[in-house]
Amino acid sequence: MKNIIVKYLKQTGTPQVIDNGLHLFKMHDFGFRGVSSVESAATGGGAHLVNFMGTDTMAALIMLKEFYGEPCAGFSIPASEHSTM
C-alpha cells in the first residue's frame, strides 16, 4: 500500500510530500472501532505502524512501548468524523 501511495504522489507532482515524510500519514488507523478486543486493536494497530505513522489506536502505542521500547510509534491527526482538517 505504501508503495502505491508513493508511486501516485510522484506521478501527480508532489514529491515534496515524500521528501518531508508526510506519505507516512496517508493511511491513518482508526481500527480500534471495529475489533473484538483491546488485544486485537493492539496487534492490528501495531502492524499498521510498521509502515505508517498515523493512528488513533492507543492500544497499539501502549503495546509497542511496553514490548518493543518504542517511546512514540505513531501520531494522531486533526480529524472530525470522516474528514481531515
N, C-alpha and C. Protein backbone atom coordinates (compact mmCIF):
# COMPACT_ATOMS: atom_id res chain seq x y z
N MET A 1 0.82 -1.18 0.00
CA MET A 1 0.00 0.00 0.00
C MET A 1 0.88 1.26 0.00
N LYS A 2 1.93 1.25 0.81
CA LYS A 2 2.80 2.43 0.87
C LYS A 2 3.46 2.68 -0.49
N ASN A 3 3.85 1.62 -1.18
CA ASN A 3 4.46 1.77 -2.50
C ASN A 3 3.50 2.39 -3.50
N ILE A 4 2.23 2.01 -3.41
CA ILE A 4 1.21 2.58 -4.31
C ILE A 4 1.04 4.07 -4.02
N ILE A 5 0.97 4.42 -2.76
CA ILE A 5 0.83 5.83 -2.38
C ILE A 5 2.02 6.63 -2.90
N VAL A 6 3.23 6.13 -2.69
CA VAL A 6 4.44 6.82 -3.15
C VAL A 6 4.43 6.96 -4.68
N LYS A 7 4.06 5.91 -5.37
CA LYS A 7 4.00 5.94 -6.84
C LYS A 7 3.12 7.08 -7.34
N TYR A 8 1.93 7.19 -6.78
CA TYR A 8 0.99 8.20 -7.26
C TYR A 8 1.33 9.61 -6.76
N LEU A 9 1.97 9.72 -5.63
CA LEU A 9 2.46 11.04 -5.21
C LEU A 9 3.51 11.54 -6.20
N LYS A 10 4.38 10.65 -6.65
CA LYS A 10 5.39 11.03 -7.65
C LYS A 10 4.73 11.38 -8.97
N GLN A 11 3.75 10.58 -9.40
CA GLN A 11 3.09 10.82 -10.69
C GLN A 11 2.28 12.10 -10.71
N THR A 12 1.78 12.51 -9.57
CA THR A 12 0.93 13.70 -9.54
C THR A 12 1.70 14.97 -9.18
N GLY A 13 3.02 14.86 -9.18
CA GLY A 13 3.84 16.05 -8.99
C GLY A 13 3.95 16.55 -7.57
N THR A 14 3.88 15.64 -6.61
CA THR A 14 4.01 16.05 -5.21
C THR A 14 5.13 15.28 -4.50
N PRO A 15 6.33 15.27 -5.08
CA PRO A 15 7.43 14.55 -4.43
C PRO A 15 7.84 15.16 -3.09
N GLN A 16 7.54 16.43 -2.85
CA GLN A 16 7.90 17.06 -1.59
C GLN A 16 7.17 16.41 -0.42
N VAL A 17 6.00 15.83 -0.67
CA VAL A 17 5.28 15.11 0.37
C VAL A 17 6.12 13.92 0.84
N ILE A 18 6.72 13.22 -0.11
CA ILE A 18 7.58 12.08 0.22
C ILE A 18 8.86 12.58 0.89
N ASP A 19 9.46 13.61 0.33
CA ASP A 19 10.70 14.15 0.88
C ASP A 19 10.54 14.58 2.34
N ASN A 20 9.37 15.09 2.69
CA ASN A 20 9.10 15.55 4.06
C ASN A 20 8.55 14.45 4.97
N GLY A 21 8.41 13.23 4.45
CA GLY A 21 7.92 12.11 5.24
C GLY A 21 6.42 12.11 5.48
N LEU A 22 5.69 12.98 4.80
CA LEU A 22 4.25 13.06 5.04
C LEU A 22 3.47 11.91 4.42
N HIS A 23 4.10 11.16 3.50
CA HIS A 23 3.43 9.98 2.94
C HIS A 23 3.15 8.94 4.03
N LEU A 24 3.87 9.02 5.13
CA LEU A 24 3.66 8.07 6.22
C LEU A 24 2.37 8.34 6.99
N PHE A 25 1.69 9.43 6.65
CA PHE A 25 0.41 9.78 7.28
C PHE A 25 -0.76 9.66 6.31
N LYS A 26 -0.55 9.09 5.14
CA LYS A 26 -1.61 8.99 4.13
C LYS A 26 -2.55 7.81 4.37
N MET A 27 -2.21 6.92 5.28
CA MET A 27 -3.07 5.80 5.65
C MET A 27 -3.19 5.81 7.16
N HIS A 28 -4.30 6.33 7.66
CA HIS A 28 -4.47 6.51 9.11
C HIS A 28 -5.26 5.34 9.69
N ASP A 29 -4.89 4.92 10.90
CA ASP A 29 -5.52 3.78 11.56
C ASP A 29 -6.56 4.24 12.58
N PHE A 30 -7.82 3.92 12.28
CA PHE A 30 -8.91 4.12 13.24
C PHE A 30 -9.47 2.74 13.64
N GLY A 31 -8.62 1.70 13.61
CA GLY A 31 -9.06 0.32 13.72
C GLY A 31 -9.60 -0.12 15.06
N PHE A 32 -9.42 0.65 16.11
CA PHE A 32 -9.92 0.22 17.42
C PHE A 32 -11.45 0.09 17.41
N ARG A 33 -12.09 0.83 16.54
CA ARG A 33 -13.56 0.85 16.50
C ARG A 33 -14.17 -0.49 16.08
N GLY A 34 -13.47 -1.25 15.22
CA GLY A 34 -14.11 -2.41 14.62
C GLY A 34 -13.55 -3.76 15.05
N VAL A 35 -12.91 -3.84 16.18
CA VAL A 35 -12.32 -5.12 16.60
C VAL A 35 -13.01 -5.65 17.85
N SER A 36 -12.71 -6.91 18.16
CA SER A 36 -13.41 -7.58 19.25
C SER A 36 -12.75 -7.42 20.61
N SER A 37 -11.50 -6.91 20.64
CA SER A 37 -10.82 -6.81 21.94
C SER A 37 -9.72 -5.76 21.89
N VAL A 38 -9.26 -5.39 23.06
CA VAL A 38 -8.13 -4.46 23.18
C VAL A 38 -6.89 -5.10 22.55
N GLU A 39 -6.72 -6.40 22.78
CA GLU A 39 -5.56 -7.11 22.23
C GLU A 39 -5.57 -7.09 20.71
N SER A 40 -6.74 -7.28 20.11
CA SER A 40 -6.86 -7.23 18.64
C SER A 40 -6.51 -5.84 18.12
N ALA A 41 -6.97 -4.83 18.83
CA ALA A 41 -6.64 -3.46 18.42
C ALA A 41 -5.15 -3.22 18.52
N ALA A 42 -4.53 -3.72 19.57
CA ALA A 42 -3.09 -3.51 19.77
C ALA A 42 -2.28 -4.20 18.68
N THR A 43 -2.58 -5.45 18.38
CA THR A 43 -1.78 -6.17 17.38
C THR A 43 -2.04 -5.64 15.97
N GLY A 44 -3.28 -5.37 15.64
CA GLY A 44 -3.59 -4.81 14.32
C GLY A 44 -3.02 -3.41 14.15
N GLY A 45 -3.16 -2.60 15.17
CA GLY A 45 -2.62 -1.25 15.13
C GLY A 45 -1.11 -1.24 15.09
N GLY A 46 -0.49 -2.18 15.81
CA GLY A 46 0.97 -2.30 15.78
C GLY A 46 1.46 -2.68 14.40
N ALA A 47 0.75 -3.59 13.75
CA ALA A 47 1.11 -3.98 12.38
C ALA A 47 0.99 -2.79 11.43
N HIS A 48 -0.03 -1.99 11.59
CA HIS A 48 -0.20 -0.79 10.77
C HIS A 48 0.99 0.15 10.94
N LEU A 49 1.46 0.29 12.17
CA LEU A 49 2.53 1.24 12.46
C LEU A 49 3.91 0.78 11.97
N VAL A 50 4.00 -0.42 11.45
CA VAL A 50 5.25 -0.86 10.81
C VAL A 50 5.50 -0.02 9.56
N ASN A 51 4.42 0.36 8.85
CA ASN A 51 4.56 1.08 7.59
C ASN A 51 4.07 2.52 7.59
N PHE A 52 3.24 2.86 8.55
CA PHE A 52 2.67 4.21 8.59
C PHE A 52 2.80 4.78 10.00
N MET A 53 2.58 6.08 10.14
CA MET A 53 2.75 6.73 11.44
C MET A 53 1.47 7.34 12.00
N GLY A 54 0.38 7.30 11.24
CA GLY A 54 -0.86 7.90 11.68
C GLY A 54 -1.76 6.89 12.35
N THR A 55 -2.16 7.16 13.59
CA THR A 55 -3.02 6.22 14.32
C THR A 55 -3.82 6.95 15.40
N ASP A 56 -4.98 6.42 15.67
CA ASP A 56 -5.75 6.82 16.84
C ASP A 56 -5.95 5.63 17.77
N THR A 57 -5.20 4.56 17.55
CA THR A 57 -5.32 3.33 18.31
C THR A 57 -4.30 3.34 19.45
N MET A 58 -4.73 3.84 20.58
CA MET A 58 -3.84 3.97 21.74
C MET A 58 -3.32 2.61 22.21
N ALA A 59 -4.12 1.57 22.06
CA ALA A 59 -3.68 0.24 22.49
C ALA A 59 -2.42 -0.19 21.74
N ALA A 60 -2.31 0.18 20.48
CA ALA A 60 -1.11 -0.15 19.69
C ALA A 60 0.10 0.61 20.21
N LEU A 61 -0.09 1.87 20.52
CA LEU A 61 1.02 2.68 21.03
C LEU A 61 1.52 2.14 22.37
N ILE A 62 0.59 1.74 23.22
CA ILE A 62 0.96 1.19 24.52
C ILE A 62 1.71 -0.13 24.36
N MET A 63 1.19 -1.02 23.48
CA MET A 63 1.84 -2.30 23.26
C MET A 63 3.26 -2.12 22.72
N LEU A 64 3.42 -1.23 21.74
CA LEU A 64 4.75 -1.02 21.15
C LEU A 64 5.73 -0.42 22.16
N LYS A 65 5.22 0.37 23.06
CA LYS A 65 6.09 0.93 24.11
C LYS A 65 6.49 -0.15 25.11
N GLU A 66 5.52 -0.94 25.55
CA GLU A 66 5.78 -1.96 26.57
C GLU A 66 6.66 -3.09 26.06
N PHE A 67 6.39 -3.59 24.85
CA PHE A 67 7.08 -4.78 24.36
C PHE A 67 8.30 -4.49 23.49
N TYR A 68 8.33 -3.32 22.86
CA TYR A 68 9.43 -3.01 21.94
C TYR A 68 10.24 -1.79 22.36
N GLY A 69 9.82 -1.12 23.43
CA GLY A 69 10.55 0.03 23.92
C GLY A 69 10.45 1.25 23.02
N GLU A 70 9.45 1.28 22.17
CA GLU A 70 9.26 2.42 21.25
C GLU A 70 8.54 3.54 22.01
N PRO A 71 9.20 4.66 22.26
CA PRO A 71 8.58 5.72 23.07
C PRO A 71 7.38 6.38 22.39
N CYS A 72 7.41 6.50 21.06
CA CYS A 72 6.28 7.13 20.35
C CYS A 72 6.23 6.59 18.93
N ALA A 73 5.47 5.52 18.74
CA ALA A 73 5.43 4.82 17.45
C ALA A 73 4.53 5.49 16.42
N GLY A 74 3.62 6.37 16.86
CA GLY A 74 2.69 6.99 15.93
C GLY A 74 2.11 8.27 16.49
N PHE A 75 1.36 8.92 15.63
CA PHE A 75 0.78 10.23 15.97
C PHE A 75 -0.64 10.32 15.45
N SER A 76 -1.44 11.13 16.07
CA SER A 76 -2.80 11.39 15.60
C SER A 76 -2.78 12.56 14.62
N ILE A 77 -3.92 12.79 14.00
CA ILE A 77 -4.09 13.92 13.09
C ILE A 77 -5.37 14.64 13.46
N PRO A 78 -5.49 15.91 13.11
CA PRO A 78 -6.76 16.60 13.33
C PRO A 78 -7.82 16.02 12.40
N ALA A 79 -8.88 15.45 12.95
CA ALA A 79 -9.93 14.85 12.13
C ALA A 79 -11.27 15.00 12.84
N SER A 80 -12.32 15.02 12.04
CA SER A 80 -13.68 15.11 12.55
C SER A 80 -14.54 14.14 11.76
N GLU A 81 -14.98 13.09 12.39
CA GLU A 81 -15.74 12.02 11.75
C GLU A 81 -15.00 11.50 10.53
N HIS A 82 -15.47 11.72 9.33
CA HIS A 82 -14.85 11.17 8.12
C HIS A 82 -14.08 12.20 7.32
N SER A 83 -13.65 13.26 7.97
CA SER A 83 -12.90 14.32 7.28
C SER A 83 -11.63 14.64 8.05
N THR A 84 -10.58 14.99 7.31
CA THR A 84 -9.39 15.50 7.97
C THR A 84 -9.41 17.02 7.86
N MET A 85 -8.73 17.68 8.75
CA MET A 85 -8.76 19.14 8.76
C MET A 85 -7.39 19.68 8.37
